[in-house]
């Protein structure tokens, strides 16, 4: 967090274990002073052994399902984001969603040739079209029906950033979510507005500034665009074009 940032919310706090640290890289160097890799999030840190357990999100998310159940209230222990009956479908969905969508935006943004960029864009938007078709025909409000699963969580992190950041910063501008994908847009706002775990842990100012001020090769002057406004629409609102289309 830097002095020009305004990051409200009880979920935005300094590191309680390392009050003098200003960047995540401090923890990586604490563990290994010779570390030469990337400083990535999420990072799961063991405060007793003072070591990084993992920085791979697909591993960490599954650790959280049951590894810490003994520390949780009963109501949270019962939450199952990876139901056995859906595990094979979730695993299959995760595989192509990661390749084409989650990582797809980065393939577009960090492409260094026109050909690589266009190839990545076609793959990304084919993936988004696939998500749209699935959600449009889903039997419930979430990716796999009536309850949130891992598939919703892993997709949300990319979709909630898409309009505020990826469209302009990574040039993923064939369509945006709010005017180009009605089923995805409906699903996104349901998660953000109705389920506190999503909305309360999404901070748009931090999202925008992280990208626009971190990638000097893409944005050398570190200018953060003001739009789109609002960062996310209310559940009952639509952009003008979509509102007109529905009338």
Protein backbone atom coordinates (compact mmCIF):
# COMPACT_ATOMS: atom_id res chain seq x y z
CA UNK A 1 0.00 0.00 0.00
CA UNK A 2 1.39 3.39 -1.00
CA UNK A 3 0.46 6.88 0.28
CA UNK A 4 -1.59 7.68 -2.85
CA UNK A 5 -3.84 4.66 -2.35
CA UNK A 6 -7.15 4.74 -0.55
CA UNK A 7 -7.90 1.17 0.37
CA UNK A 8 -10.78 0.97 2.84
CA UNK A 9 -12.20 -2.17 4.38
CA UNK A 10 -11.47 -4.49 7.23
CA UNK A 11 -9.87 -7.00 4.83
CA UNK A 12 -7.18 -4.51 3.82
CA UNK A 13 -4.63 -4.49 6.62
CA UNK A 14 -0.83 -4.34 6.94
CA UNK A 15 1.02 -7.60 7.49
CA UNK A 16 0.62 -8.17 11.26
CA UNK A 17 3.72 -10.38 11.41
CA UNK A 18 6.03 -8.01 9.55
CA UNK A 19 4.97 -4.43 10.27
CA UNK A 20 8.18 -3.04 8.79
CA UNK A 21 7.75 -4.80 5.44
CA UNK A 22 6.38 -2.72 2.60
CA UNK A 23 6.33 -5.29 -0.20
CA UNK A 24 5.70 -8.99 -0.62
CA UNK A 25 9.23 -9.40 -1.90
CA UNK A 26 10.46 -8.77 1.66
CA UNK A 27 8.93 -12.08 2.73
CA UNK A 28 10.47 -13.95 -0.21
CA UNK A 29 13.90 -12.57 0.66
CA UNK A 30 13.38 -13.39 4.34
CA UNK A 31 12.86 -17.03 3.35
CA UNK A 32 15.65 -17.01 0.76
CA UNK A 33 18.02 -14.02 0.54
CA UNK A 34 19.21 -15.29 -2.86
CA UNK A 35 15.72 -15.67 -4.31
CA UNK A 36 15.65 -14.61 -7.98
CA UNK A 37 12.16 -15.62 -9.10
CA UNK A 38 8.90 -13.69 -9.32
CA UNK A 39 7.05 -12.39 -6.26
CA UNK A 40 3.58 -13.77 -6.83
CA UNK A 41 0.31 -13.88 -4.97
CA UNK A 42 -1.39 -15.59 -3.34
CA UNK A 43 1.35 -16.59 -0.92
CA UNK A 44 0.65 -19.02 1.90
CA UNK A 45 3.09 -18.36 4.72
CA UNK A 46 3.71 -20.54 7.78
CA UNK A 47 4.21 -18.16 10.70
CA UNK A 48 5.72 -20.87 12.92
CA UNK A 49 8.39 -22.17 10.57
CA UNK A 50 8.70 -18.77 8.83
CA UNK A 51 8.59 -20.34 5.41
CA UNK A 52 6.45 -19.95 2.32
CA UNK A 53 4.31 -23.07 2.00
CA UNK A 54 3.03 -22.36 -1.51
CA UNK A 55 2.43 -19.56 -3.98
CA UNK A 56 0.35 -21.64 -6.40
CA UNK A 57 -3.30 -20.60 -6.22
CA UNK A 58 -4.69 -23.93 -7.43
CA UNK A 59 -2.88 -25.69 -4.56
CA UNK A 60 -3.72 -23.12 -1.90
CA UNK A 61 -7.43 -23.00 -2.67
CA UNK A 62 -7.74 -26.75 -2.13
CA UNK A 63 -5.68 -26.66 1.06
CA UNK A 64 -8.19 -24.21 2.47
CA UNK A 65 -11.12 -26.58 1.93
CA UNK A 66 -10.29 -28.92 4.79
CA UNK A 67 -6.74 -28.50 6.11
CA UNK A 68 -7.82 -25.85 8.63
CA UNK A 69 -11.25 -27.23 9.55
CA UNK A 70 -10.23 -27.70 13.18
CA UNK A 71 -9.83 -23.92 13.48
CA UNK A 72 -13.21 -23.04 11.95
CA UNK A 73 -16.71 -22.64 13.35
CA UNK A 74 -18.98 -25.53 12.49
CA UNK A 75 -20.98 -23.60 9.87
CA UNK A 76 -17.84 -23.02 7.80
CA UNK A 77 -16.60 -26.58 8.07
CA UNK A 78 -19.71 -27.74 6.23
CA UNK A 79 -19.01 -25.66 3.14
CA UNK A 80 -17.93 -27.91 0.29
CA UNK A 81 -16.62 -26.08 -2.76
CA UNK A 82 -15.45 -29.28 -4.43
CA UNK A 83 -18.35 -31.78 -4.18
CA UNK A 84 -17.23 -35.26 -5.06
CA UNK A 85 -20.07 -35.65 -7.56
CA UNK A 86 -18.82 -32.62 -9.48
CA UNK A 87 -15.10 -33.06 -9.07
CA UNK A 88 -14.38 -34.43 -12.54
CA UNK A 89 -16.45 -31.69 -14.18
CA UNK A 90 -14.81 -28.98 -12.08
CA UNK A 91 -11.33 -30.31 -12.86
CA UNK A 92 -12.10 -30.37 -16.58
CA UNK A 93 -13.57 -26.86 -16.46
CA UNK A 94 -10.61 -25.54 -14.51
CA UNK A 95 -8.17 -26.88 -17.10
CA UNK A 96 -9.57 -25.01 -20.10
CA UNK A 97 -10.71 -21.97 -18.07
CA UNK A 98 -7.18 -21.45 -16.79
CA UNK A 99 -5.53 -21.92 -20.16
CA UNK A 100 -7.99 -19.89 -22.23
CA UNK A 101 -9.39 -17.28 -19.80
CA UNK A 102 -7.45 -16.90 -16.52
CA UNK A 103 -4.08 -17.07 -18.25
CA UNK A 104 -5.53 -16.03 -21.58
CA UNK A 105 -5.71 -12.36 -20.60
CA UNK A 106 -2.00 -12.42 -19.74
CA UNK A 107 -1.12 -14.06 -23.06
CA UNK A 108 -2.84 -11.12 -24.74
CA UNK A 109 -1.35 -8.45 -22.49
CA UNK A 110 2.23 -9.64 -22.62
CA UNK A 111 2.31 -10.59 -26.30
CA UNK A 112 5.28 -9.02 -28.07
CA UNK A 113 4.14 -9.57 -31.64
CA UNK A 114 0.90 -8.78 -33.43
CA UNK A 115 0.54 -12.40 -34.44
CA UNK A 116 0.90 -13.70 -30.88
CA UNK A 117 -1.54 -11.09 -29.61
CA UNK A 118 -4.20 -11.91 -32.19
CA UNK A 119 -3.82 -15.64 -31.65
CA UNK A 120 -4.22 -15.20 -27.89
CA UNK A 121 -7.22 -12.90 -28.37
CA UNK A 122 -9.09 -15.44 -30.49
CA UNK A 123 -8.49 -18.11 -27.87
CA UNK A 124 -9.55 -15.82 -25.01
CA UNK A 125 -12.79 -14.75 -26.58
CA UNK A 126 -13.62 -18.27 -27.70
CA UNK A 127 -13.22 -19.19 -24.03
CA UNK A 128 -15.48 -16.35 -22.90
CA UNK A 129 -18.06 -17.38 -25.49
CA UNK A 130 -17.91 -20.89 -24.05
CA UNK A 131 -18.45 -19.57 -20.52
CA UNK A 132 -21.35 -17.43 -21.75
CA UNK A 133 -23.05 -20.37 -23.42
CA UNK A 134 -22.65 -22.51 -20.32
CA UNK A 135 -24.02 -19.90 -17.93
CA UNK A 136 -26.89 -19.03 -20.27
CA UNK A 137 -28.07 -22.65 -20.15
CA UNK A 138 -27.14 -23.42 -16.53
CA UNK A 139 -29.79 -24.96 -14.27
CA UNK A 140 -29.01 -22.57 -11.42
CA UNK A 141 -27.47 -19.16 -10.82
CA UNK A 142 -23.94 -20.48 -10.32
CA UNK A 143 -21.58 -22.32 -12.63
CA UNK A 144 -22.70 -25.76 -11.53
CA UNK A 145 -26.20 -25.13 -10.28
CA UNK A 146 -27.54 -23.90 -6.99
CA UNK A 147 -24.36 -23.58 -4.93
CA UNK A 148 -20.99 -21.89 -5.34
CA UNK A 149 -18.14 -24.19 -6.28
CA UNK A 150 -14.46 -23.84 -7.05
CA UNK A 151 -15.35 -23.20 -10.69
CA UNK A 152 -17.11 -19.95 -9.70
CA UNK A 153 -14.21 -18.80 -7.54
CA UNK A 154 -11.52 -19.41 -10.12
CA UNK A 155 -13.46 -17.74 -12.90
CA UNK A 156 -14.54 -14.75 -10.78
CA UNK A 157 -11.03 -13.43 -10.23
CA UNK A 158 -10.56 -12.86 -13.96
CA UNK A 159 -14.06 -11.69 -14.83
CA UNK A 160 -14.25 -9.06 -12.06
CA UNK A 161 -11.01 -7.52 -13.40
CA UNK A 162 -11.96 -7.74 -17.04
CA UNK A 163 -13.76 -4.44 -17.63
CA UNK A 164 -11.81 -2.26 -15.14
CA UNK A 165 -8.36 -3.47 -16.22
CA UNK A 166 -7.94 -6.06 -18.93
CA UNK A 167 -9.97 -4.34 -21.66
CA UNK A 168 -7.66 -1.34 -21.76
CA UNK A 169 -4.45 -2.53 -20.10
CA UNK A 170 -4.16 -5.89 -21.86
CA UNK A 171 -6.03 -4.77 -25.00
CA UNK A 172 -8.70 -7.47 -24.60
CA UNK A 173 -11.22 -5.18 -26.25
CA UNK A 174 -13.22 -7.24 -28.73
CA UNK A 175 -16.05 -7.08 -26.19
CA UNK A 176 -16.37 -6.15 -22.55
CA UNK A 177 -18.37 -8.13 -20.02
CA UNK A 178 -21.05 -5.57 -19.23
CA UNK A 179 -22.18 -5.04 -22.81
CA UNK A 180 -21.05 -8.20 -24.55
CA UNK A 181 -21.81 -11.11 -22.24
CA UNK A 182 -25.21 -10.86 -20.49
CA UNK A 183 -25.10 -14.25 -18.77
CA UNK A 184 -21.57 -13.72 -17.45
CA UNK A 185 -22.49 -10.19 -16.37
CA UNK A 186 -25.53 -11.47 -14.46
CA UNK A 187 -23.44 -14.20 -12.78
CA UNK A 188 -20.67 -11.74 -11.88
CA UNK A 189 -23.02 -9.29 -10.17
CA UNK A 190 -24.79 -12.06 -8.28
CA UNK A 191 -21.49 -13.14 -6.75
CA UNK A 192 -20.29 -9.59 -6.05
CA UNK A 193 -23.47 -8.14 -4.57
CA UNK A 194 -25.11 -11.15 -2.90
CA UNK A 195 -22.20 -13.16 -1.48
CA UNK A 196 -20.02 -11.14 0.93
CA UNK A 197 -16.97 -13.36 0.43
CA UNK A 198 -16.72 -12.02 -3.13
CA UNK A 199 -17.71 -8.37 -2.83
CA UNK A 200 -15.90 -7.68 0.44
CA UNK A 201 -12.60 -9.03 -0.87
CA UNK A 202 -12.68 -7.13 -4.18
CA UNK A 203 -11.00 -3.71 -4.08
CA UNK A 204 -11.12 -2.01 -7.46
CA UNK A 205 -8.69 0.80 -6.69
CA UNK A 206 -6.03 -1.69 -5.72
CA UNK A 207 -6.78 -3.85 -8.75
CA UNK A 208 -6.43 -0.93 -11.17
CA UNK A 209 -3.29 0.53 -9.65
CA UNK A 210 -1.56 -2.82 -9.25
CA UNK A 211 -1.72 -3.49 -12.98
CA UNK A 212 -1.23 0.01 -14.34
CA UNK A 213 1.68 0.85 -12.06
CA UNK A 214 3.43 -2.53 -12.17
CA UNK A 215 3.92 -3.15 -15.88
CA UNK A 216 6.20 -0.43 -17.18
CA UNK A 217 6.66 -2.23 -20.50
CA UNK A 218 2.92 -1.89 -21.14
CA UNK A 219 2.20 1.42 -19.40
CA UNK A 220 5.51 3.32 -19.09
CA UNK A 221 3.98 6.42 -17.50
CA UNK A 222 1.96 4.42 -14.94
CA UNK A 223 -1.24 6.30 -15.72
CA UNK A 224 -4.36 4.68 -14.27
CA UNK A 225 -7.51 5.17 -16.38
CA UNK A 226 -10.55 6.47 -14.50
CA UNK A 227 -13.09 4.28 -16.24
CA UNK A 228 -15.13 2.39 -16.75
CA UNK A 229 -17.51 3.90 -14.24
CA UNK A 230 -18.91 2.43 -12.16
CA UNK A 231 -16.36 -0.30 -11.55
CA UNK A 232 -19.23 -2.78 -11.41
CA UNK A 233 -22.89 -2.12 -12.16
CA UNK A 234 -25.69 -2.64 -9.68
CA UNK A 235 -27.74 -5.79 -10.20
CA UNK A 236 -30.63 -3.87 -11.71
CA UNK A 237 -28.58 -1.64 -14.00
CA UNK A 238 -27.33 -2.20 -17.52
CA UNK A 239 -25.21 -0.16 -19.89
CA UNK A 240 -27.35 1.90 -22.26
CA UNK A 241 -26.89 -0.42 -25.22
CA UNK A 242 -27.94 -3.51 -23.26
CA UNK A 243 -30.91 -1.73 -21.66
CA UNK A 244 -32.13 -0.66 -25.09
CA UNK A 245 -31.70 -4.17 -26.46
CA UNK A 246 -33.88 -5.66 -23.71
CA UNK A 247 -36.73 -3.19 -24.29
